[in-house]
Structure formats: C-alpha cells, structure tokens
Amino acid sequence: MSDCVLKTRRFGRWDARVTLGKLGLVVEFYDMEAENAPYGKFVNDYYVSTLLGNEYGAPISERYGLSLYGYSNGYNIRQPELTELSDWLTDIQARYEVI
C-alpha cells in the first residue's frame, strides 16, 4: 500500500488506486463495502503491465474475470467492468510511462 496515489476510480464495490511501485505502476484494489473501513479494506494489488498483458498472459480485456482474493466468491471483477478497467489502466500507463 502506497502513500502516493496517482489516480483513483471506482469499479462497482472496488476502489482501484494506481501507485508507483519499485518496478512500475501498480493498481491496488480496496473493498469499499467492508465494515469498519471508511477508506476501504485493502484486498490485492497487481502491476499494471501484468494486467494489460505480457509474455506470461493475456490482457484482462480478453478475460472473463479477475480474482482479487484467491477463490473467494464476491472478490472478482467481471466483464464489462474488466474492459473498463483495462481501458483506464491503458490510458494511465501511456501518461505515466517510466523511461
């Protein structure tokens, strides 16, 4: 969890916050419906480059869903929000690309 949030956007119950990690941009996911967590409960984080696709897997825009917490039901982002997330992250990556 980073102190420097570059961008934030809500996707259903999830608050996605993009930060700058050691190896590039990171998107952190927070459950905004969690009890006793006014700023959301941290669930998971991913490198933006991983979600947008690399040599290890397809981009999230081509997937059915993204699990944020193992096999727990309810901790998933599904289409069409997944494509919206992909578009948003693609725009951010273009703006904040680290050289």
Protein backbone atom coordinates (compact mmCIF):
# COMPACT_ATOMS: atom_id res chain seq x y z
CA MET A 1 0.00 0.00 0.00
CA SER A 2 1.50 3.24 -1.16
CA ASP A 3 1.26 6.77 0.16
CA CYS A 4 1.44 8.30 -3.33
CA VAL A 5 -1.75 7.64 -5.30
CA LEU A 6 -1.61 8.82 -8.91
CA LYS A 7 -5.20 8.03 -9.93
CA THR A 8 -8.33 6.53 -8.37
CA ARG A 9 -11.51 5.14 -9.91
CA ARG A 10 -14.45 3.11 -8.65
CA PHE A 11 -15.48 -0.16 -10.33
CA GLY A 12 -18.61 -1.43 -8.58
CA ARG A 13 -17.66 -2.19 -4.96
CA TRP A 14 -13.94 -1.86 -5.75
CA ASP A 15 -11.84 1.26 -5.48
CA ALA A 16 -8.83 0.97 -7.81
CA ARG A 17 -5.84 3.14 -6.88
CA VAL A 18 -2.82 3.42 -9.15
CA THR A 19 0.53 4.00 -7.45
CA LEU A 20 4.17 3.89 -8.49
CA GLY A 21 5.93 0.73 -7.31
CA LYS A 22 9.61 -0.22 -7.47
CA LEU A 23 9.19 -1.90 -10.86
CA GLY A 24 6.47 0.27 -12.39
CA LEU A 25 2.84 1.23 -11.98
CA VAL A 26 0.76 -0.80 -9.51
CA VAL A 27 -3.02 -0.92 -9.17
CA GLU A 28 -4.30 -1.55 -5.64
CA PHE A 29 -7.86 -2.77 -5.03
CA TYR A 30 -9.90 -1.81 -1.97
CA ASP A 31 -13.27 -3.21 -0.90
CA MET A 32 -15.39 -0.12 -0.30
CA GLU A 33 -18.24 -2.16 1.22
CA ALA A 34 -16.10 -3.61 4.02
CA GLU A 35 -17.32 -2.89 7.53
CA ASN A 36 -15.30 -0.53 9.75
CA ALA A 37 -13.08 0.58 6.85
CA PRO A 38 -14.07 4.11 5.80
CA TYR A 39 -11.30 4.26 3.18
CA GLY A 40 -11.83 0.67 2.07
CA LYS A 41 -10.21 -2.63 3.00
CA PHE A 42 -7.05 -3.48 1.05
CA VAL A 43 -7.63 -6.68 -0.94
CA ASN A 44 -4.84 -7.11 -3.50
CA ASP A 45 -2.50 -5.36 -5.91
CA TYR A 46 -1.11 -6.09 -9.36
CA TYR A 47 1.44 -4.49 -11.64
CA VAL A 48 -0.41 -2.64 -14.39
CA SER A 49 1.83 -4.24 -17.02
CA THR A 50 0.74 -7.70 -15.84
CA LEU A 51 -2.96 -6.88 -16.13
CA LEU A 52 -2.54 -5.32 -19.56
CA GLY A 53 -0.82 -8.43 -20.86
CA ASN A 54 2.74 -9.56 -21.23
CA GLU A 55 4.67 -12.67 -22.15
CA TYR A 56 3.04 -14.52 -19.24
CA GLY A 57 -0.61 -13.99 -20.09
CA ALA A 58 -3.39 -12.30 -22.00
CA PRO A 59 -4.64 -8.82 -21.14
CA ILE A 60 -7.58 -8.55 -18.74
CA SER A 61 -9.77 -7.12 -21.52
CA GLU A 62 -9.74 -10.62 -23.09
CA ARG A 63 -10.61 -12.45 -19.87
CA TYR A 64 -13.94 -13.33 -18.31
CA GLY A 65 -12.98 -12.17 -14.84
CA LEU A 66 -10.21 -11.21 -12.45
CA SER A 67 -9.98 -12.77 -9.00
CA LEU A 68 -8.86 -10.29 -6.36
CA TYR A 69 -8.68 -12.73 -3.46
CA GLY A 70 -8.00 -16.34 -4.37
CA TYR A 71 -11.11 -18.42 -4.76
CA SER A 72 -13.36 -16.27 -2.56
CA ASN A 73 -16.74 -15.63 -4.11
CA GLY A 74 -17.58 -11.97 -4.38
CA TYR A 75 -13.97 -10.87 -4.73
CA ASN A 76 -13.98 -10.75 -8.52
CA ILE A 77 -14.21 -8.14 -11.24
CA ARG A 78 -16.11 -9.38 -14.29
CA GLN A 79 -16.96 -8.04 -17.73
CA PRO A 80 -17.86 -5.33 -18.73
CA GLU A 81 -16.11 -3.65 -15.75
CA LEU A 82 -12.94 -5.56 -16.63
CA THR A 83 -12.76 -3.93 -20.07
CA GLU A 84 -13.41 -0.52 -18.46
CA LEU A 85 -10.56 -1.21 -16.02
CA SER A 86 -8.28 -2.21 -18.90
CA ASP A 87 -9.07 0.96 -20.86
CA TRP A 88 -8.47 3.11 -17.78
CA LEU A 89 -5.14 1.41 -16.99
CA THR A 90 -4.01 1.67 -20.62
CA ASP A 91 -4.60 5.44 -20.52
CA ILE A 92 -2.74 5.78 -17.22
CA GLN A 93 0.18 3.68 -18.44
CA ALA A 94 0.53 5.92 -21.50
CA ARG A 95 0.54 9.06 -19.31
CA TYR A 96 2.92 7.82 -16.64
CA GLU A 97 5.20 5.56 -18.64
CA VAL A 98 8.54 5.36 -16.86
CA ILE A 99 11.55 5.77 -19.14
